[in-house]
Amino acid sequence: MNNVSRWAAMLALLFATAAWGGLFHAGKLVLNNVDPFWFTVVRYTGAALLLCCILLLQGNVRWTLLREHWLRLASLGLMGYGMFGILVFIGLSHSVPSHGAVIMATMPITTLLMRWVFERQRPQLWAWCVVALAIFGVSLVSGVWHGNTAEGQSTVVGDLIAFVGTVGWIMYTRGQASVSRLSVIEYTTFTAILALPGLFAFALVATFLGYAHRPAPADLIAAIPPILYIVVIGTVLAALAFNKGVRTLGAVHGIVFINLVPVSALLISVAKGALPNGSEVVGTLLIIVALTVQARKMGLAVKASQ
């Protein structure tokens, strides 16, 4: 791997993390017009169409693999796109963008705990220390100790809902190993296609029960700019850029860049004139330290095994 490819990979990862930081700000704008259920339908319908175009341009699409693994791919898509997409934005509707970004950054640590549960790989002592530090950081950012944002509104419930949603994305990511014959673009596209019927069903049921409201054409038109950003940049291009960076640098080094998602979100908030309070800054720094230590320890373990 030469310096050019290494720098290209790092720039790709920086682009992805910056895009994901902006995703929460754009999502907050969309939620002013479209509820989380129908927003998820619109988001992944657009993403699936764009991904299909990219896949078709590559040629030789292996549709037989979609038919062979359709049930598993559909369930994984519903966890990744449905559970994650809906719950995170329900949480965001009761919270603020910087909190959502920080909660997203805890996924590597949640993954560590899930590996212990499902694979019986018990974390070492340093891992428990990292988990404790990160959880304390999340509690500071989420306002658990004072319970309110600068506007006096509690974000605890919203942040907890968003955190539960991230478990769906972790399950979706872990599921790739069970269909390893698929390329990254095939896995991403096939799961998006097969998740759409379920996403529509969720939205219809939620609407019938009164938890969601089908958006009027005027609401969708008003939300077009942030929706375009979320679909094209925050969903499709960011995922492809992140996967490209990880393929070049490796997962151990690539995952460190997730630490920059909350930083990106906070910087965007500052640029918009909404300065973070002291607990948000301290909490974000603690999570960054925790995740960096985890990635560093994992990197040393990989080197020792080589």
C-alpha atoms as a PDB file:
ATOM      1  CA  MET A   1       0.000   0.000   0.000  1.00  0.00           C
ATOM      2  CA  ASN A   2       1.593   3.266  -1.129  1.00  0.00           C
ATOM      3  CA  ASN A   3       1.184   6.712   0.417  1.00  0.00           C
ATOM      4  CA  VAL A   4      -1.281   7.844  -2.253  1.00  0.00           C
ATOM      5  CA  SER A   5      -3.708   5.016  -1.570  1.00  0.00           C
ATOM      6  CA  ARG A   6      -3.282   5.470   2.194  1.00  0.00           C
ATOM      7  CA  TRP A   7      -4.087   9.187   2.012  1.00  0.00           C
ATOM      8  CA  ALA A   8      -6.993   8.491  -0.348  1.00  0.00           C
ATOM      9  CA  ALA A   9      -8.401   6.005   2.152  1.00  0.00           C
ATOM     10  CA  MET A  10      -8.058   8.454   5.043  1.00  0.00           C
ATOM     11  CA  LEU A  11      -9.773  11.196   3.026  1.00  0.00           C
ATOM     12  CA  ALA A  12     -12.585   8.760   2.196  1.00  0.00           C
ATOM     13  CA  LEU A  13     -13.033   7.965   5.897  1.00  0.00           C
ATOM     14  CA  LEU A  14     -12.963  11.654   6.811  1.00  0.00           C
ATOM     15  CA  PHE A  15     -15.651  12.300   4.201  1.00  0.00           C
ATOM     16  CA  ALA A  16     -17.807   9.492   5.593  1.00  0.00           C
ATOM     17  CA  THR A  17     -17.574  10.648   9.208  1.00  0.00           C
ATOM     18  CA  ALA A  18     -18.247  14.278   8.256  1.00  0.00           C
ATOM     19  CA  ALA A  19     -21.268  13.158   6.213  1.00  0.00           C
ATOM     20  CA  TRP A  20     -22.602  11.116   9.133  1.00  0.00           C
ATOM     21  CA  GLY A  21     -22.164  14.067  11.471  1.00  0.00           C
ATOM     22  CA  GLY A  22     -24.236  16.185   9.084  1.00  0.00           C
ATOM     23  CA  LEU A  23     -26.791  13.384   8.776  1.00  0.00           C
ATOM     24  CA  PHE A  24     -28.244  14.140  12.196  1.00  0.00           C
ATOM     25  CA  HIS A  25     -28.565  17.854  11.477  1.00  0.00           C
ATOM     26  CA  ALA A  26     -30.258  17.194   8.133  1.00  0.00           C
ATOM     27  CA  GLY A  27     -32.477  14.568   9.750  1.00  0.00           C
ATOM     28  CA  LYS A  28     -33.641  17.066  12.349  1.00  0.00           C
ATOM     29  CA  LEU A  29     -34.792  19.343   9.525  1.00  0.00           C
ATOM     30  CA  VAL A  30     -36.688  16.521   7.796  1.00  0.00           C
ATOM     31  CA  LEU A  31     -38.484  15.610  11.018  1.00  0.00           C
ATOM     32  CA  ASN A  32     -40.109  19.047  10.968  1.00  0.00           C
ATOM     33  CA  ASN A  33     -42.162  17.847   7.981  1.00  0.00           C
ATOM     34  CA  VAL A  34     -42.013  14.028   7.899  1.00  0.00           C
ATOM     35  CA  ASP A  35     -42.286  11.577  10.823  1.00  0.00           C
ATOM     36  CA  PRO A  36     -39.544   8.936  11.365  1.00  0.00           C
ATOM     37  CA  PHE A  37     -41.542   6.040   9.883  1.00  0.00           C
ATOM     38  CA  TRP A  38     -42.321   7.645   6.530  1.00  0.00           C
ATOM     39  CA  PHE A  39     -38.961   9.388   6.461  1.00  0.00           C
ATOM     40  CA  THR A  40     -37.269   5.962   6.687  1.00  0.00           C
ATOM     41  CA  VAL A  41     -39.402   4.739   3.763  1.00  0.00           C
ATOM     42  CA  VAL A  42     -38.454   7.758   1.647  1.00  0.00           C
ATOM     43  CA  ARG A  43     -34.784   7.554   2.656  1.00  0.00           C
ATOM     44  CA  TYR A  44     -34.223   3.910   1.795  1.00  0.00           C
ATOM     45  CA  THR A  45     -36.418   3.933  -1.293  1.00  0.00           C
ATOM     46  CA  GLY A  46     -34.122   6.597  -2.713  1.00  0.00           C
ATOM     47  CA  ALA A  47     -31.016   4.832  -1.451  1.00  0.00           C
ATOM     48  CA  ALA A  48     -32.118   1.476  -2.910  1.00  0.00           C
ATOM     49  CA  LEU A  49     -32.742   3.048  -6.334  1.00  0.00           C
ATOM     50  CA  LEU A  50     -29.342   4.752  -6.317  1.00  0.00           C
ATOM     51  CA  LEU A  51     -27.556   1.602  -5.150  1.00  0.00           C
ATOM     52  CA  CYS A  52     -29.292  -0.431  -7.874  1.00  0.00           C
ATOM     53  CA  CYS A  53     -28.019   2.007 -10.485  1.00  0.00           C
ATOM     54  CA  ILE A  54     -24.462   1.701  -9.160  1.00  0.00           C
ATOM     55  CA  LEU A  55     -24.718  -2.102  -9.065  1.00  0.00           C
ATOM     56  CA  LEU A  56     -26.109  -2.286 -12.616  1.00  0.00           C
ATOM     57  CA  LEU A  57     -23.321  -0.047 -13.907  1.00  0.00           C
ATOM     58  CA  GLN A  58     -20.808  -2.548 -12.563  1.00  0.00           C
ATOM     59  CA  GLY A  59     -22.436  -5.258 -14.695  1.00  0.00           C
ATOM     60  CA  ASN A  60     -22.846  -9.000 -14.041  1.00  0.00           C
ATOM     61  CA  VAL A  61     -25.308  -8.620 -11.161  1.00  0.00           C
ATOM     62  CA  ARG A  62     -25.640 -11.926  -9.302  1.00  0.00           C
ATOM     63  CA  TRP A  63     -29.393 -11.905  -8.718  1.00  0.00           C
ATOM     64  CA  THR A  64     -29.292 -15.644  -7.985  1.00  0.00           C
ATOM     65  CA  LEU A  65     -27.587 -14.854  -4.666  1.00  0.00           C
ATOM     66  CA  LEU A  66     -30.457 -12.541  -3.767  1.00  0.00           C
ATOM     67  CA  ARG A  67     -32.977 -15.325  -4.385  1.00  0.00           C
ATOM     68  CA  GLU A  68     -30.823 -17.844  -2.530  1.00  0.00           C
ATOM     69  CA  HIS A  69     -30.432 -15.732   0.638  1.00  0.00           C
ATOM     70  CA  TRP A  70     -33.546 -13.549   0.426  1.00  0.00           C
ATOM     71  CA  LEU A  71     -34.964 -14.424   3.863  1.00  0.00           C
ATOM     72  CA  ARG A  72     -31.724 -13.749   5.732  1.00  0.00           C
ATOM     73  CA  LEU A  73     -31.042 -10.596   3.710  1.00  0.00           C
ATOM     74  CA  ALA A  74     -34.570  -9.314   4.320  1.00  0.00           C
ATOM     75  CA  SER A  75     -34.303  -9.834   8.091  1.00  0.00           C
ATOM     76  CA  LEU A  76     -30.876  -8.201   8.225  1.00  0.00           C
ATOM     77  CA  GLY A  77     -32.127  -5.290   6.121  1.00  0.00           C
ATOM     78  CA  LEU A  78     -35.051  -4.744   8.492  1.00  0.00           C
ATOM     79  CA  MET A  79     -32.684  -4.674  11.459  1.00  0.00           C
ATOM     80  CA  GLY A  80     -30.216  -2.337   9.788  1.00  0.00           C
ATOM     81  CA  TYR A  81     -32.518  -0.052   7.853  1.00  0.00           C
ATOM     82  CA  GLY A  82     -35.752  -0.508   9.812  1.00  0.00           C
ATOM     83  CA  MET A  83     -34.778  -0.852  13.458  1.00  0.00           C
ATOM     84  CA  PHE A  84     -31.782   1.473  13.153  1.00  0.00           C
ATOM     85  CA  GLY A  85     -33.338   3.986  10.761  1.00  0.00           C
ATOM     86  CA  ILE A  86     -36.663   4.332  12.549  1.00  0.00           C
ATOM     87  CA  LEU A  87     -35.564   4.216  16.195  1.00  0.00           C
ATOM     88  CA  VAL A  88     -32.580   6.522  15.749  1.00  0.00           C
ATOM     89  CA  PHE A  89     -34.746   9.200  14.170  1.00  0.00           C
ATOM     90  CA  ILE A  90     -37.554   8.710  16.685  1.00  0.00           C
ATOM     91  CA  GLY A  91     -34.885   9.330  19.305  1.00  0.00           C
ATOM     92  CA  LEU A  92     -33.574  12.315  17.365  1.00  0.00           C
ATOM     93  CA  SER A  93     -37.057  13.858  17.349  1.00  0.00           C
ATOM     94  CA  HIS A  94     -36.774  13.997  21.168  1.00  0.00           C
ATOM     95  CA  SER A  95     -33.090  14.932  21.310  1.00  0.00           C
ATOM     96  CA  VAL A  96     -30.453  17.003  19.524  1.00  0.00           C
ATOM     97  CA  PRO A  97     -28.087  16.130  16.628  1.00  0.00           C
ATOM     98  CA  SER A  98     -24.903  16.088  18.720  1.00  0.00           C
ATOM     99  CA  HIS A  99     -26.377  13.471  21.046  1.00  0.00           C
ATOM    100  CA  GLY A 100     -27.358  11.206  18.154  1.00  0.00           C
ATOM    101  CA  ALA A 101     -23.852  11.419  16.724  1.00  0.00           C
ATOM    102  CA  VAL A 102     -22.238  10.506  20.042  1.00  0.00           C
ATOM    103  CA  ILE A 103     -24.578   7.559  20.543  1.00  0.00           C
ATOM    104  CA  MET A 104     -23.678   6.328  17.045  1.00  0.00           C
ATOM    105  CA  ALA A 105     -20.021   6.456  18.062  1.00  0.00           C
ATOM    106  CA  THR A 106     -20.644   3.974  20.887  1.00  0.00           C
ATOM    107  CA  MET A 107     -21.378   1.158  18.433  1.00  0.00           C
ATOM    108  CA  PRO A 108     -17.852  -0.348  18.550  1.00  0.00           C
ATOM    109  CA  ILE A 109     -18.170  -0.757  22.311  1.00  0.00           C
ATOM    110  CA  THR A 110     -21.693  -2.191  22.059  1.00  0.00           C
ATOM    111  CA  THR A 111     -20.304  -4.630  19.500  1.00  0.00           C
ATOM    112  CA  LEU A 112     -17.681  -5.700  22.038  1.00  0.00           C
ATOM    113  CA  LEU A 113     -20.387  -6.557  24.558  1.00  0.00           C
ATOM    114  CA  MET A 114     -22.491  -8.377  21.962  1.00  0.00           C
ATOM    115  CA  ARG A 115     -19.524 -10.539  20.984  1.00  0.00           C
ATOM    116  CA  TRP A 116     -19.312 -11.588  24.632  1.00  0.00           C
ATOM    117  CA  VAL A 117     -23.005 -12.540  24.657  1.00  0.00           C
ATOM    118  CA  PHE A 118     -23.188 -14.303  21.294  1.00  0.00           C
ATOM    119  CA  GLU A 119     -19.636 -15.596  20.789  1.00  0.00           C
ATOM    120  CA  ARG A 120     -18.532 -16.089  24.407  1.00  0.00           C
ATOM    121  CA  GLN A 121     -15.489 -13.847  23.833  1.00  0.00           C
ATOM    122  CA  ARG A 122     -15.212 -12.235  27.256  1.00  0.00           C
ATOM    123  CA  PRO A 123     -13.685  -8.726  27.173  1.00  0.00           C
ATOM    124  CA  GLN A 124     -10.423  -8.145  29.020  1.00  0.00           C
ATOM    125  CA  LEU A 125     -10.099  -5.762  31.976  1.00  0.00           C
ATOM    126  CA  TRP A 126      -8.995  -2.853  29.786  1.00  0.00           C
ATOM    127  CA  ALA A 127     -12.143  -3.329  27.691  1.00  0.00           C
ATOM    128  CA  TRP A 128     -14.368  -3.020  30.762  1.00  0.00           C
ATOM    129  CA  CYS A 129     -12.575   0.209  31.671  1.00  0.00           C
ATOM    130  CA  VAL A 130     -13.161   1.527  28.160  1.00  0.00           C
ATOM    131  CA  VAL A 131     -16.861   0.603  28.356  1.00  0.00           C
ATOM    132  CA  ALA A 132     -17.253   2.348  31.718  1.00  0.00           C
ATOM    133  CA  LEU A 133     -15.527   5.480  30.421  1.00  0.00           C
ATOM    134  CA  ALA A 134     -17.668   5.574  27.278  1.00  0.00           C
ATOM    135  CA  ILE A 135     -20.930   5.031  29.171  1.00  0.00           C
ATOM    136  CA  PHE A 136     -20.037   7.864  31.532  1.00  0.00           C
ATOM    137  CA  GLY A 137     -19.286  10.056  28.531  1.00  0.00           C
ATOM    138  CA  VAL A 138     -22.663   9.224  26.968  1.00  0.00           C
ATOM    139  CA  SER A 139     -24.400  10.042  30.250  1.00  0.00           C
ATOM    140  CA  LEU A 140     -22.759  13.475  30.245  1.00  0.00           C
ATOM    141  CA  VAL A 141     -23.644  14.201  26.631  1.00  0.00           C
ATOM    142  CA  SER A 142     -27.199  12.929  27.028  1.00  0.00           C
ATOM    143  CA  GLY A 143     -27.792  15.103  30.076  1.00  0.00           C
ATOM    144  CA  VAL A 144     -28.604  12.229  32.444  1.00  0.00           C
ATOM    145  CA  TRP A 145     -27.159  14.161  35.377  1.00  0.00           C
ATOM    146  CA  HIS A 146     -29.225  17.273  34.725  1.00  0.00           C
ATOM    147  CA  GLY A 147     -31.778  15.802  32.326  1.00  0.00           C
ATOM    148  CA  ASN A 148     -32.287  18.849  30.118  1.00  0.00           C
ATOM    149  CA  THR A 149     -30.957  20.580  27.046  1.00  0.00           C
ATOM    150  CA  ALA A 150     -30.160  24.273  26.931  1.00  0.00           C
ATOM    151  CA  GLU A 151     -33.862  24.811  26.105  1.00  0.00           C
ATOM    152  CA  GLY A 152     -34.914  22.970  29.277  1.00  0.00           C
ATOM    153  CA  GLN A 153     -36.173  19.822  27.520  1.00  0.00           C
ATOM    154  CA  SER A 154     -35.147  16.335  28.605  1.00  0.00           C
ATOM    155  CA  THR A 155     -33.327  14.196  26.025  1.00  0.00           C
ATOM    156  CA  VAL A 156     -32.899  11.043  28.111  1.00  0.00           C
ATOM    157  CA  VAL A 157     -35.792   9.103  26.560  1.00  0.00           C
ATOM    158  CA  GLY A 158     -34.844  10.105  23.028  1.00  0.00           C
ATOM    159  CA  ASP A 159     -31.206   9.194  23.568  1.00  0.00           C
ATOM    160  CA  LEU A 160     -32.158   5.789  24.983  1.00  0.00           C
ATOM    161  CA  ILE A 161     -34.405   5.047  21.983  1.00  0.00           C
ATOM    162  CA  ALA A 162     -31.573   6.016  19.609  1.00  0.00           C
ATOM    163  CA  PHE A 163     -29.158   3.770  21.492  1.00  0.00           C
ATOM    164  CA  VAL A 164     -31.507   0.774  21.137  1.00  0.00           C
ATOM    165  CA  GLY A 165     -31.694   1.570  17.424  1.00  0.00           C
ATOM    166  CA  THR A 166     -27.920   1.265  17.055  1.00  0.00           C
ATOM    167  CA  VAL A 167     -28.177  -2.398  18.104  1.00  0.00           C
ATOM    168  CA  GLY A 168     -30.042  -3.015  14.850  1.00  0.00           C
ATOM    169  CA  TRP A 169     -27.139  -1.635  12.820  1.00  0.00           C
ATOM    170  CA  ILE A 170     -24.662  -3.769  14.751  1.00  0.00           C
ATOM    171  CA  MET A 171     -26.709  -6.891  13.975  1.00  0.00           C
ATOM    172  CA  TYR A 172     -26.853  -5.802  10.336  1.00  0.00           C
ATOM    173  CA  THR A 173     -23.072  -5.366  10.246  1.00  0.00           C
ATOM    174  CA  ARG A 174     -22.435  -8.698  11.964  1.00  0.00           C
ATOM    175  CA  GLY A 175     -24.755 -10.384   9.492  1.00  0.00           C
ATOM    176  CA  GLN A 176     -22.378  -9.766   6.603  1.00  0.00           C
ATOM    177  CA  ALA A 177     -20.276 -12.720   7.722  1.00  0.00           C
ATOM    178  CA  SER A 178     -23.189 -15.098   7.117  1.00  0.00           C
ATOM    179  CA  VAL A 179     -23.410 -14.098   3.429  1.00  0.00           C
ATOM    180  CA  SER A 180     -19.720 -13.620   2.705  1.00  0.00           C
ATOM    181  CA  ARG A 181     -20.147 -14.575  -0.953  1.00  0.00           C
ATOM    182  CA  LEU A 182     -21.754 -11.175  -1.568  1.00  0.00           C
ATOM    183  CA  SER A 183     -19.608  -8.123  -2.247  1.00  0.00           C
ATOM    184  CA  VAL A 184     -20.087  -4.977  -0.160  1.00  0.00           C
ATOM    185  CA  ILE A 185     -22.201  -3.289  -2.840  1.00  0.00           C
ATOM    186  CA  GLU A 186     -24.301  -6.453  -3.340  1.00  0.00           C
ATOM    187  CA  TYR A 187     -24.942  -6.846   0.384  1.00  0.00           C
ATOM    188  CA  THR A 188     -25.848  -3.176   0.773  1.00  0.00           C
ATOM    189  CA  THR A 189     -28.139  -3.140  -2.265  1.00  0.00           C
ATOM    190  CA  PHE A 190     -29.877  -6.486  -1.760  1.00  0.00           C
ATOM    191  CA  THR A 191     -30.683  -5.785   1.889  1.00  0.00           C
ATOM    192  CA  ALA A 192     -32.043  -2.360   0.966  1.00  0.00           C
ATOM    193  CA  ILE A 193     -34.304  -3.808  -1.736  1.00  0.00           C
ATOM    194  CA  LEU A 194     -35.648  -6.606   0.461  1.00  0.00           C
ATOM    195  CA  ALA A 195     -36.200  -4.319   3.465  1.00  0.00           C
ATOM    196  CA  LEU A 196     -38.506  -1.939   1.564  1.00  0.00           C
ATOM    197  CA  PRO A 197     -41.733  -4.021   1.850  1.00  0.00           C
ATOM    198  CA  GLY A 198     -41.209  -4.290   5.613  1.00  0.00           C
ATOM    199  CA  LEU A 199     -40.492  -0.575   5.942  1.00  0.00           C
ATOM    200  CA  PHE A 200     -43.701   0.233   4.090  1.00  0.00           C
ATOM    201  CA  ALA A 201     -45.596  -2.195   6.339  1.00  0.00           C
ATOM    202  CA  PHE A 202     -44.171  -0.586   9.499  1.00  0.00           C
ATOM    203  CA  ALA A 203     -45.178   2.860   8.262  1.00  0.00           C
ATOM    204  CA  LEU A 204     -48.710   1.760   7.349  1.00  0.00           C
ATOM    205  CA  VAL A 205     -49.280   0.018  10.690  1.00  0.00           C
ATOM    206  CA  ALA A 206     -47.860   2.993  12.620  1.00  0.00           C
ATOM    207  CA  THR A 207     -50.155   5.310  10.630  1.00  0.00           C
ATOM    208  CA  PHE A 208     -53.195   3.115  11.341  1.00  0.00           C
ATOM    209  CA  LEU A 209     -52.367   3.119  15.072  1.00  0.00           C
ATOM    210  CA  GLY A 210     -51.842   6.873  15.108  1.00  0.00           C
ATOM    211  CA  TYR A 211     -48.089   6.827  15.738  1.00  0.00           C
ATOM    212  CA  ALA A 212     -47.266   8.116  12.249  1.00  0.00           C
ATOM    213  CA  HIS A 213     -48.851  10.407   9.682  1.00  0.00           C
ATOM    214  CA  ARG A 214     -48.553   9.952   5.953  1.00  0.00           C
ATOM    215  CA  PRO A 215     -46.774  13.066   4.651  1.00  0.00           C
ATOM    216  CA  ALA A 216     -48.568  15.384   2.263  1.00  0.00           C
ATOM    217  CA  PRO A 217     -46.845  16.205  -1.056  1.00  0.00           C
ATOM    218  CA  ALA A 218     -46.172  19.713   0.241  1.00  0.00           C
ATOM    219  CA  ASP A 219     -44.327  18.291   3.267  1.00  0.00           C
ATOM    220  CA  LEU A 220     -42.092  16.146   1.048  1.00  0.00           C
ATOM    221  CA  ILE A 221     -41.383  19.057  -1.286  1.00  0.00           C
ATOM    222  CA  ALA A 222     -40.407  21.253   1.660  1.00  0.00           C
ATOM    223  CA  ALA A 223     -38.000  18.561   2.892  1.00  0.00           C
ATOM    224  CA  ILE A 224     -36.352  17.840  -0.483  1.00  0.00           C
ATOM    225  CA  PRO A 225     -32.955  19.539   0.225  1.00  0.00           C
ATOM    226  CA  PRO A 226     -32.179  17.658   3.476  1.00  0.00           C
ATOM    227  CA  ILE A 227     -33.649  14.418   2.067  1.00  0.00           C
ATOM    228  CA  LEU A 228     -31.342  14.636  -0.948  1.00  0.00           C
ATOM    229  CA  TYR A 229     -28.377  15.158   1.354  1.00  0.00           C
ATOM    230  CA  ILE A 230     -29.358  12.204   3.537  1.00  0.00           C
ATOM    231  CA  VAL A 231     -30.023   9.805   0.647  1.00  0.00           C
ATOM    232  CA  VAL A 232     -27.144  10.686  -1.663  1.00  0.00           C
ATOM    233  CA  ILE A 233     -24.400  11.808   0.727  1.00  0.00           C
ATOM    234  CA  GLY A 234     -25.313  10.611   4.222  1.00  0.00           C
ATOM    235  CA  THR A 235     -26.525   7.147   3.184  1.00  0.00           C
ATOM    236  CA  VAL A 236     -25.059   5.957  -0.129  1.00  0.00           C
ATOM    237  CA  LEU A 237     -21.803   7.872  -0.696  1.00  0.00           C
ATOM    238  CA  ALA A 238     -20.813   7.855   2.989  1.00  0.00           C
ATOM    239  CA  ALA A 239     -21.283   4.082   3.250  1.00  0.00           C
ATOM    240  CA  LEU A 240     -19.314   3.420   0.081  1.00  0.00           C
ATOM    241  CA  ALA A 241     -16.524   5.797   1.158  1.00  0.00           C
ATOM    242  CA  PHE A 242     -16.313   4.199   4.590  1.00  0.00           C
ATOM    243  CA  ASN A 243     -16.187   0.689   3.146  1.00  0.00           C
ATOM    244  CA  LYS A 244     -13.485   1.790   0.694  1.00  0.00           C
ATOM    245  CA  GLY A 245     -11.392   3.234   3.505  1.00  0.00           C
ATOM    246  CA  VAL A 246     -11.800   0.123   5.639  1.00  0.00           C
ATOM    247  CA  ARG A 247     -10.847  -2.119   2.699  1.00  0.00           C
ATOM    248  CA  THR A 248      -7.590  -0.162   2.282  1.00  0.00           C
ATOM    249  CA  LEU A 249      -6.564   0.505   5.900  1.00  0.00           C
ATOM    250  CA  GLY A 250      -8.261  -2.433   7.585  1.00  0.00           C
ATOM    251  CA  ALA A 251     -11.166  -2.512  10.025  1.00  0.00           C
ATOM    252  CA  VAL A 252      -9.006  -1.890  13.108  1.00  0.00           C
ATOM    253  CA  HIS A 253      -7.706   1.428  11.769  1.00  0.00           C
ATOM    254  CA  GLY A 254     -10.864   2.392   9.889  1.00  0.00           C
ATOM    255  CA  ILE A 255     -13.115   2.094  12.927  1.00  0.00           C
ATOM    256  CA  VAL A 256     -11.107   4.792  14.727  1.00  0.00           C
ATOM    257  CA  PHE A 257     -12.583   7.343  12.330  1.00  0.00           C
ATOM    258  CA  ILE A 258     -16.074   6.693  13.764  1.00  0.00           C
ATOM    259  CA  ASN A 259     -14.803   8.673  16.761  1.00  0.00           C
ATOM    260  CA  LEU A 260     -14.959  11.753  14.552  1.00  0.00           C
ATOM    261  CA  VAL A 261     -18.739  11.532  13.971  1.00  0.00           C
ATOM    262  CA  PRO A 262     -19.680  13.335  17.228  1.00  0.00           C
ATOM    263  CA  VAL A 263     -16.876  15.823  16.672  1.00  0.00           C
ATOM    264  CA  SER A 264     -18.230  16.562  13.216  1.00  0.00           C
ATOM    265  CA  ALA A 265     -21.762  17.010  14.562  1.00  0.00           C
ATOM    266  CA  LEU A 266     -20.576  19.347  17.319  1.00  0.00           C
ATOM    267  CA  LEU A 267     -18.536  21.416  14.857  1.00  0.00           C
ATOM    268  CA  ILE A 268     -21.592  21.775  12.629  1.00  0.00           C
ATOM    269  CA  SER A 269     -23.593  22.893  15.675  1.00  0.00           C
ATOM    270  CA  VAL A 270     -20.927  25.468  16.478  1.00  0.00           C
ATOM    271  CA  ALA A 271     -20.969  26.682  12.861  1.00  0.00           C
ATOM    272  CA  LYS A 272     -24.739  27.130  13.172  1.00  0.00           C
ATOM    273  CA  GLY A 273     -24.262  29.187  16.311  1.00  0.00           C
ATOM    274  CA  ALA A 274     -25.405  26.595  18.877  1.00  0.00           C
ATOM    275  CA  LEU A 275     -22.440  26.311  21.223  1.00  0.00           C
ATOM    276  CA  PRO A 276     -22.256  23.016  23.183  1.00  0.00           C
ATOM    277  CA  ASN A 277     -22.344  23.154  26.960  1.00  0.00           C
ATOM    278  CA  GLY A 278     -19.526  21.964  29.174  1.00  0.00           C
ATOM    279  CA  SER A 279     -20.922  18.487  29.864  1.00  0.00           C
ATOM    280  CA  GLU A 280     -21.422  17.824  26.132  1.00  0.00           C
ATOM    281  CA  VAL A 281     -17.818  18.761  25.384  1.00  0.00           C
ATOM    282  CA  VAL A 282     -16.400  16.710  28.263  1.00  0.00           C
ATOM    283  CA  GLY A 283     -18.627  13.730  27.469  1.00  0.00           C
ATOM    284  CA  THR A 284     -17.653  13.757  23.806  1.00  0.00           C
ATOM    285  CA  LEU A 285     -13.956  13.899  24.684  1.00  0.00           C
ATOM    286  CA  LEU A 286     -14.328  10.962  27.077  1.00  0.00           C
ATOM    287  CA  ILE A 287     -16.012   8.846  24.398  1.00  0.00           C
ATOM    288  CA  ILE A 288     -13.330   9.728  21.856  1.00  0.00           C
ATOM    289  CA  VAL A 289     -10.636   8.727  24.353  1.00  0.00           C
ATOM    290  CA  ALA A 290     -12.435   5.464  25.147  1.00  0.00           C
ATOM    291  CA  LEU A 291     -12.920   4.468  21.526  1.00  0.00           C
ATOM    292  CA  THR A 292      -9.371   5.440  20.587  1.00  0.00           C
ATOM    293  CA  VAL A 293      -7.966   3.304  23.402  1.00  0.00           C
ATOM    294  CA  GLN A 294     -10.130   0.401  22.247  1.00  0.00           C
ATOM    295  CA  ALA A 295      -8.969   0.717  18.639  1.00  0.00           C
ATOM    296  CA  ARG A 296      -5.352   1.046  19.778  1.00  0.00           C
ATOM    297  CA  LYS A 297      -5.564  -2.081  21.943  1.00  0.00           C
ATOM    298  CA  MET A 298      -7.216  -4.008  19.113  1.00  0.00           C
ATOM    299  CA  GLY A 299      -4.477  -2.876  16.724  1.00  0.00           C
ATOM    300  CA  LEU A 300      -1.745  -4.080  19.082  1.00  0.00           C
ATOM    301  CA  ALA A 301      -3.524  -7.420  19.478  1.00  0.00           C
ATOM    302  CA  VAL A 302      -3.684  -7.875  15.709  1.00  0.00           C
ATOM    303  CA  LYS A 303       0.025  -7.079  15.335  1.00  0.00           C
ATOM    304  CA  ALA A 304       0.919  -9.520  18.116  1.00  0.00           C
ATOM    305  CA  SER A 305      -0.981 -12.314  16.386  1.00  0.00           C
ATOM    306  CA  GLN A 306       0.791 -11.768  13.043  1.00  0.00           C
END
